[in-house]
Structures are given as C-alpha cells and as structure tokens.
N, C-alpha and C. Protein backbone atom coordinates (compact mmCIF):
# COMPACT_ATOMS: atom_id res chain seq x y z
N UNK A 1 -5.53 11.91 -39.80
CA UNK A 1 -5.33 13.03 -38.89
C UNK A 1 -4.91 12.50 -37.51
N UNK A 2 -4.01 13.18 -36.85
CA UNK A 2 -3.55 12.79 -35.51
C UNK A 2 -4.67 13.08 -34.51
N UNK A 3 -4.95 12.09 -33.65
CA UNK A 3 -6.03 12.21 -32.68
C UNK A 3 -5.48 12.15 -31.25
N UNK A 4 -6.10 12.86 -30.32
CA UNK A 4 -5.66 12.80 -28.93
C UNK A 4 -6.07 11.48 -28.27
N UNK A 5 -5.38 11.14 -27.21
CA UNK A 5 -5.73 9.97 -26.39
C UNK A 5 -6.40 10.50 -25.13
N UNK A 6 -7.60 10.00 -24.84
CA UNK A 6 -8.32 10.39 -23.63
C UNK A 6 -7.92 9.43 -22.51
N UNK A 7 -6.95 9.84 -21.73
CA UNK A 7 -6.39 8.97 -20.68
C UNK A 7 -7.46 8.55 -19.68
N UNK A 8 -8.30 9.46 -19.28
CA UNK A 8 -9.36 9.13 -18.30
C UNK A 8 -10.35 8.11 -18.87
N UNK A 9 -10.67 8.22 -20.14
CA UNK A 9 -11.58 7.26 -20.76
C UNK A 9 -10.95 5.88 -20.83
N UNK A 10 -9.68 5.82 -21.19
CA UNK A 10 -8.98 4.52 -21.24
C UNK A 10 -8.91 3.93 -19.84
N UNK A 11 -8.57 4.74 -18.85
CA UNK A 11 -8.49 4.26 -17.46
C UNK A 11 -9.86 3.81 -16.97
N UNK A 12 -10.92 4.48 -17.41
CA UNK A 12 -12.27 4.12 -16.99
C UNK A 12 -12.70 2.75 -17.44
N UNK A 13 -12.06 2.21 -18.45
CA UNK A 13 -12.38 0.87 -18.94
C UNK A 13 -11.82 -0.22 -18.05
N UNK A 14 -10.93 0.13 -17.14
CA UNK A 14 -10.32 -0.85 -16.23
C UNK A 14 -10.78 -0.54 -14.82
N UNK A 15 -11.57 -1.39 -14.27
CA UNK A 15 -12.11 -1.16 -12.93
C UNK A 15 -11.48 -2.06 -11.88
N UNK A 16 -11.04 -3.26 -12.23
CA UNK A 16 -10.50 -4.19 -11.24
C UNK A 16 -9.20 -4.77 -11.76
N UNK A 17 -8.34 -5.16 -10.84
CA UNK A 17 -7.12 -5.82 -11.23
C UNK A 17 -6.03 -4.87 -11.65
N UNK A 18 -5.22 -5.33 -12.60
CA UNK A 18 -4.07 -4.57 -13.05
C UNK A 18 -4.09 -4.49 -14.57
N UNK A 19 -3.81 -3.31 -15.08
CA UNK A 19 -3.73 -3.11 -16.51
C UNK A 19 -2.53 -2.23 -16.80
N UNK A 20 -1.76 -2.59 -17.82
CA UNK A 20 -0.62 -1.79 -18.24
C UNK A 20 -0.58 -1.85 -19.75
N UNK A 21 -0.84 -0.72 -20.40
CA UNK A 21 -0.85 -0.71 -21.86
C UNK A 21 -0.10 0.50 -22.40
N UNK A 22 0.53 0.31 -23.53
CA UNK A 22 1.25 1.40 -24.19
C UNK A 22 0.22 2.29 -24.90
N UNK A 23 0.22 3.58 -24.54
CA UNK A 23 -0.67 4.54 -25.18
C UNK A 23 -0.05 5.14 -26.42
N UNK A 24 1.25 5.40 -26.35
CA UNK A 24 1.95 6.03 -27.47
C UNK A 24 3.45 5.82 -27.29
N UNK A 25 4.19 6.07 -28.34
CA UNK A 25 5.65 6.02 -28.29
C UNK A 25 6.20 7.39 -28.67
N UNK A 26 7.27 7.78 -27.99
CA UNK A 26 7.94 9.05 -28.24
C UNK A 26 9.42 8.75 -28.43
N UNK A 27 9.88 8.91 -29.66
CA UNK A 27 11.27 8.56 -30.00
C UNK A 27 11.53 7.12 -29.57
N UNK A 28 12.43 6.88 -28.63
CA UNK A 28 12.74 5.50 -28.23
C UNK A 28 12.12 5.13 -26.88
N UNK A 29 11.07 5.85 -26.48
CA UNK A 29 10.40 5.58 -25.21
C UNK A 29 8.91 5.28 -25.44
N UNK A 30 8.34 4.48 -24.53
CA UNK A 30 6.91 4.21 -24.54
C UNK A 30 6.26 4.92 -23.35
N UNK A 31 5.04 5.38 -23.56
CA UNK A 31 4.22 5.95 -22.50
C UNK A 31 3.12 4.94 -22.21
N UNK A 32 3.15 4.39 -21.01
CA UNK A 32 2.18 3.37 -20.58
C UNK A 32 1.11 4.00 -19.70
N UNK A 33 -0.07 3.43 -19.74
CA UNK A 33 -1.11 3.74 -18.76
C UNK A 33 -1.22 2.53 -17.86
N UNK A 34 -1.00 2.75 -16.58
CA UNK A 34 -1.07 1.67 -15.59
C UNK A 34 -2.22 1.96 -14.64
N UNK A 35 -3.12 0.99 -14.52
CA UNK A 35 -4.22 1.07 -13.56
C UNK A 35 -4.03 -0.11 -12.62
N UNK A 36 -3.94 0.18 -11.32
CA UNK A 36 -3.68 -0.92 -10.38
C UNK A 36 -4.49 -0.79 -9.10
N UNK A 37 -4.89 -1.95 -8.56
CA UNK A 37 -5.54 -1.95 -7.25
C UNK A 37 -4.83 -2.89 -6.29
N UNK A 38 -3.60 -3.26 -6.62
CA UNK A 38 -2.77 -4.07 -5.74
C UNK A 38 -1.31 -3.85 -6.10
N UNK A 39 -0.40 -4.35 -5.27
CA UNK A 39 1.02 -4.12 -5.51
C UNK A 39 1.55 -4.86 -6.73
N UNK A 40 2.51 -4.23 -7.41
CA UNK A 40 3.29 -4.86 -8.47
C UNK A 40 4.47 -5.54 -7.79
N UNK A 41 5.08 -6.50 -8.43
CA UNK A 41 6.19 -7.21 -7.79
C UNK A 41 7.46 -6.33 -7.74
N UNK A 42 8.36 -6.68 -6.82
CA UNK A 42 9.66 -6.01 -6.73
C UNK A 42 10.43 -6.27 -8.02
N UNK A 43 11.04 -5.21 -8.56
CA UNK A 43 11.74 -5.35 -9.83
C UNK A 43 12.73 -4.21 -10.02
N UNK A 44 13.49 -4.32 -11.10
CA UNK A 44 14.36 -3.24 -11.53
C UNK A 44 14.45 -3.28 -13.04
N UNK A 45 14.92 -2.19 -13.62
CA UNK A 45 15.13 -2.08 -15.06
C UNK A 45 16.61 -1.76 -15.27
N UNK A 46 17.41 -2.73 -15.72
CA UNK A 46 18.84 -2.48 -15.85
C UNK A 46 19.19 -1.51 -16.98
N UNK A 47 18.31 -1.35 -17.95
CA UNK A 47 18.64 -0.54 -19.12
C UNK A 47 17.73 0.67 -19.34
N UNK A 48 16.97 1.07 -18.32
CA UNK A 48 16.09 2.23 -18.51
C UNK A 48 15.70 2.85 -17.17
N UNK A 49 15.69 4.18 -17.14
CA UNK A 49 15.03 4.88 -16.05
C UNK A 49 13.53 4.64 -16.23
N UNK A 50 12.75 4.90 -15.18
CA UNK A 50 11.30 4.75 -15.26
C UNK A 50 10.67 5.94 -14.55
N UNK A 51 9.82 6.66 -15.26
CA UNK A 51 9.16 7.84 -14.69
C UNK A 51 7.69 7.54 -14.49
N UNK A 52 7.20 7.85 -13.30
CA UNK A 52 5.78 7.68 -12.95
C UNK A 52 5.14 9.05 -12.80
N UNK A 53 3.96 9.23 -13.42
CA UNK A 53 3.15 10.44 -13.26
C UNK A 53 1.77 9.98 -12.84
N UNK A 54 1.32 10.43 -11.67
CA UNK A 54 0.04 9.97 -11.13
C UNK A 54 -1.10 10.83 -11.69
N UNK A 55 -2.09 10.14 -12.24
CA UNK A 55 -3.27 10.79 -12.82
C UNK A 55 -4.42 10.77 -11.82
N UNK A 56 -4.54 9.67 -11.08
CA UNK A 56 -5.66 9.49 -10.14
C UNK A 56 -5.17 8.66 -8.96
N UNK A 57 -5.63 9.02 -7.76
CA UNK A 57 -5.28 8.25 -6.57
C UNK A 57 -3.90 8.61 -6.05
N UNK A 58 -3.35 7.69 -5.26
CA UNK A 58 -2.01 7.85 -4.70
C UNK A 58 -1.22 6.59 -5.04
N UNK A 59 -0.03 6.79 -5.57
CA UNK A 59 0.87 5.69 -5.90
C UNK A 59 2.01 5.70 -4.91
N UNK A 60 2.26 4.56 -4.26
CA UNK A 60 3.41 4.42 -3.38
C UNK A 60 4.49 3.68 -4.14
N UNK A 61 5.70 4.25 -4.13
CA UNK A 61 6.86 3.59 -4.71
C UNK A 61 7.76 3.18 -3.55
N UNK A 62 7.90 1.87 -3.36
CA UNK A 62 8.73 1.33 -2.29
C UNK A 62 10.15 1.13 -2.80
N UNK A 63 11.12 1.51 -1.98
CA UNK A 63 12.53 1.30 -2.26
C UNK A 63 13.12 0.51 -1.10
N UNK A 64 14.35 0.09 -1.22
CA UNK A 64 15.02 -0.65 -0.16
C UNK A 64 15.10 0.15 1.13
N UNK A 65 15.18 1.48 1.03
CA UNK A 65 15.37 2.31 2.22
C UNK A 65 14.16 3.15 2.59
N UNK A 66 12.99 2.83 2.05
CA UNK A 66 11.79 3.58 2.39
C UNK A 66 10.83 3.69 1.22
N UNK A 67 9.82 4.53 1.39
CA UNK A 67 8.76 4.67 0.38
C UNK A 67 8.49 6.14 0.09
N UNK A 68 7.97 6.39 -1.11
CA UNK A 68 7.55 7.73 -1.52
C UNK A 68 6.10 7.62 -1.98
N UNK A 69 5.24 8.51 -1.46
CA UNK A 69 3.85 8.58 -1.89
C UNK A 69 3.70 9.70 -2.90
N UNK A 70 3.15 9.35 -4.06
CA UNK A 70 2.90 10.34 -5.11
C UNK A 70 1.40 10.54 -5.24
N UNK A 71 0.98 11.79 -5.24
CA UNK A 71 -0.42 12.13 -5.41
C UNK A 71 -0.67 12.58 -6.84
N UNK A 72 -1.93 12.67 -7.22
CA UNK A 72 -2.28 13.10 -8.57
C UNK A 72 -1.57 14.41 -8.90
N UNK A 73 -0.93 14.42 -10.08
CA UNK A 73 -0.20 15.59 -10.52
C UNK A 73 1.28 15.56 -10.18
N UNK A 74 1.73 14.56 -9.41
CA UNK A 74 3.15 14.45 -9.06
C UNK A 74 3.83 13.39 -9.92
N UNK A 75 5.14 13.57 -10.12
CA UNK A 75 5.90 12.56 -10.84
C UNK A 75 7.22 12.28 -10.15
N UNK A 76 7.78 11.11 -10.46
CA UNK A 76 9.02 10.65 -9.87
C UNK A 76 9.74 9.78 -10.89
N UNK A 77 11.06 9.94 -10.98
CA UNK A 77 11.85 9.10 -11.86
C UNK A 77 12.72 8.17 -11.02
N UNK A 78 12.63 6.87 -11.31
CA UNK A 78 13.46 5.86 -10.67
C UNK A 78 14.61 5.56 -11.62
N UNK A 79 15.85 5.80 -11.20
CA UNK A 79 16.99 5.55 -12.09
C UNK A 79 17.14 4.06 -12.43
N UNK A 80 17.71 3.80 -13.58
CA UNK A 80 17.97 2.41 -14.01
C UNK A 80 18.76 1.68 -12.92
N UNK A 81 18.41 0.41 -12.71
CA UNK A 81 19.13 -0.44 -11.78
C UNK A 81 18.68 -0.37 -10.34
N UNK A 82 17.72 0.49 -10.00
CA UNK A 82 17.24 0.64 -8.63
C UNK A 82 16.05 -0.29 -8.40
N UNK A 83 16.17 -1.16 -7.39
CA UNK A 83 15.08 -2.09 -7.05
C UNK A 83 13.93 -1.30 -6.44
N UNK A 84 12.70 -1.58 -6.92
CA UNK A 84 11.53 -0.86 -6.43
C UNK A 84 10.27 -1.69 -6.66
N UNK A 85 9.21 -1.23 -6.03
CA UNK A 85 7.88 -1.84 -6.19
C UNK A 85 6.87 -0.70 -6.14
N UNK A 86 5.82 -0.80 -6.96
CA UNK A 86 4.75 0.20 -6.93
C UNK A 86 3.48 -0.45 -6.40
N UNK A 87 2.67 0.38 -5.75
CA UNK A 87 1.38 -0.10 -5.23
C UNK A 87 0.48 1.10 -4.99
N UNK A 88 -0.83 0.91 -5.13
CA UNK A 88 -1.72 2.01 -4.82
C UNK A 88 -1.82 2.20 -3.31
N UNK A 89 -1.92 3.42 -2.88
CA UNK A 89 -2.20 3.71 -1.47
C UNK A 89 -3.68 4.06 -1.43
N UNK A 90 -4.49 3.05 -1.30
CA UNK A 90 -5.94 3.19 -1.41
C UNK A 90 -6.45 2.12 -2.36
N UNK A 91 -7.66 2.30 -2.82
CA UNK A 91 -8.30 1.28 -3.64
C UNK A 91 -7.70 1.15 -5.04
N UNK A 92 -7.20 2.28 -5.61
CA UNK A 92 -6.75 2.23 -7.00
C UNK A 92 -5.87 3.44 -7.30
N UNK A 93 -4.95 3.25 -8.22
CA UNK A 93 -4.19 4.38 -8.76
C UNK A 93 -4.14 4.25 -10.27
N UNK A 94 -4.08 5.40 -10.92
CA UNK A 94 -3.96 5.48 -12.38
C UNK A 94 -2.72 6.31 -12.65
N UNK A 95 -1.80 5.75 -13.44
CA UNK A 95 -0.49 6.38 -13.62
C UNK A 95 -0.03 6.30 -15.06
N UNK A 96 0.69 7.32 -15.49
CA UNK A 96 1.43 7.25 -16.74
C UNK A 96 2.85 6.86 -16.37
N UNK A 97 3.42 5.94 -17.14
CA UNK A 97 4.78 5.48 -16.91
C UNK A 97 5.54 5.62 -18.21
N UNK A 98 6.73 6.19 -18.12
CA UNK A 98 7.57 6.37 -19.31
C UNK A 98 8.87 5.61 -19.11
N UNK A 99 9.20 4.78 -20.09
CA UNK A 99 10.46 4.03 -20.06
C UNK A 99 10.86 3.70 -21.49
N UNK A 100 12.12 3.30 -21.67
CA UNK A 100 12.58 2.95 -23.01
C UNK A 100 11.72 1.82 -23.58
N UNK A 101 11.52 1.86 -24.88
CA UNK A 101 10.69 0.84 -25.53
C UNK A 101 11.24 -0.56 -25.35
N UNK A 102 12.57 -0.69 -25.24
CA UNK A 102 13.18 -2.01 -25.07
C UNK A 102 13.57 -2.28 -23.61
N UNK A 103 12.91 -1.59 -22.67
CA UNK A 103 13.24 -1.76 -21.25
C UNK A 103 13.06 -3.21 -20.82
N UNK A 104 14.04 -3.69 -20.09
CA UNK A 104 13.99 -5.03 -19.52
C UNK A 104 13.51 -4.92 -18.08
N UNK A 105 12.57 -5.78 -17.68
CA UNK A 105 12.10 -5.82 -16.30
C UNK A 105 12.62 -7.10 -15.66
N UNK A 106 13.36 -6.94 -14.56
CA UNK A 106 13.94 -8.07 -13.84
C UNK A 106 13.23 -8.18 -12.50
N UNK A 107 12.51 -9.28 -12.28
CA UNK A 107 11.83 -9.49 -11.01
C UNK A 107 12.87 -9.80 -9.94
N UNK A 108 12.69 -9.21 -8.74
CA UNK A 108 13.65 -9.34 -7.64
C UNK A 108 12.94 -9.82 -6.39
N UNK A 109 13.75 -10.30 -5.48
CA UNK A 109 13.24 -10.60 -4.13
C UNK A 109 12.98 -9.28 -3.42
N UNK A 110 12.04 -9.29 -2.48
CA UNK A 110 11.83 -8.11 -1.64
C UNK A 110 13.06 -7.93 -0.77
N UNK A 111 13.42 -6.71 -0.44
CA UNK A 111 14.55 -6.51 0.47
C UNK A 111 14.31 -7.26 1.78
N UNK A 112 15.34 -7.85 2.36
CA UNK A 112 15.14 -8.70 3.54
C UNK A 112 14.53 -7.98 4.73
N UNK A 113 14.77 -6.69 4.86
CA UNK A 113 14.24 -5.94 6.00
C UNK A 113 12.88 -5.33 5.74
N UNK A 114 12.35 -5.55 4.52
CA UNK A 114 11.10 -4.89 4.15
C UNK A 114 9.92 -5.45 4.93
N UNK A 115 9.13 -4.57 5.51
CA UNK A 115 7.89 -4.99 6.16
C UNK A 115 6.79 -4.85 5.13
N UNK A 116 6.21 -5.94 4.75
CA UNK A 116 5.20 -5.94 3.69
C UNK A 116 3.95 -5.19 4.11
N UNK A 117 3.36 -4.51 3.11
CA UNK A 117 2.12 -3.79 3.37
C UNK A 117 0.97 -4.81 3.42
N UNK A 118 -0.11 -4.43 4.07
CA UNK A 118 -1.26 -5.36 4.16
C UNK A 118 -1.89 -5.63 2.83
C-alpha cells in the first residue's frame, strides 16, 4: 500500500549540520528534503531548474544581483544555468527542493562583488 511521507518527522531527525535526501521521485524529477543551519556553496545546475519550497524557517537565496528571502509556505524557482547559493536566515531552515533526477551541480566561485554573510 502507498504510504505518506511525514516531512516534519523526517526533518525532526536532523538537528545540526546539513542534510539533503530524496523523499520521492515524480516522473523525471526528485523531491529532496533539505535541512540546513549554514550556507550551501555557490553553484548552478546547467540541465535543470530548481524549485525551493520552505517548510520551516526562512531560506535566503543569493544571486549575483541580490537576495530573496523565502518564508514558510513560499516557493521560488531558479532557472537552469543561474548561479545561486542558499542559506538559512536564522538558525535553521527546512525546505523541499525539486529538480531533475539527473541534475548536475556545478560549484562556482562567489560573485566578485558579493559581500559574504556572517
């Protein structure tokens, strides 16, 4: 029988550090649960858009030309090929991320004008 996934229960198992796990797959995309208490590195996905849906906390998505803060219940799609970095705005964020199952992640340098967060 098909069973539901309790996202809050899975997120509750991760209290410190960074966790990113695939919860399910939908056609050719994966749905990840990301729990973070620090910034992820600057990167891009040349072959996939990436959608973030915030479940808990505030997620900041940094771009070359500024940042967007997402609160619980908000989502944002980053188009393929756009350099970005995610980080919690606060102690922790819990997010669902959707991207192609074969998405490539390319680590990038931070933009030269970027002022790093503390």
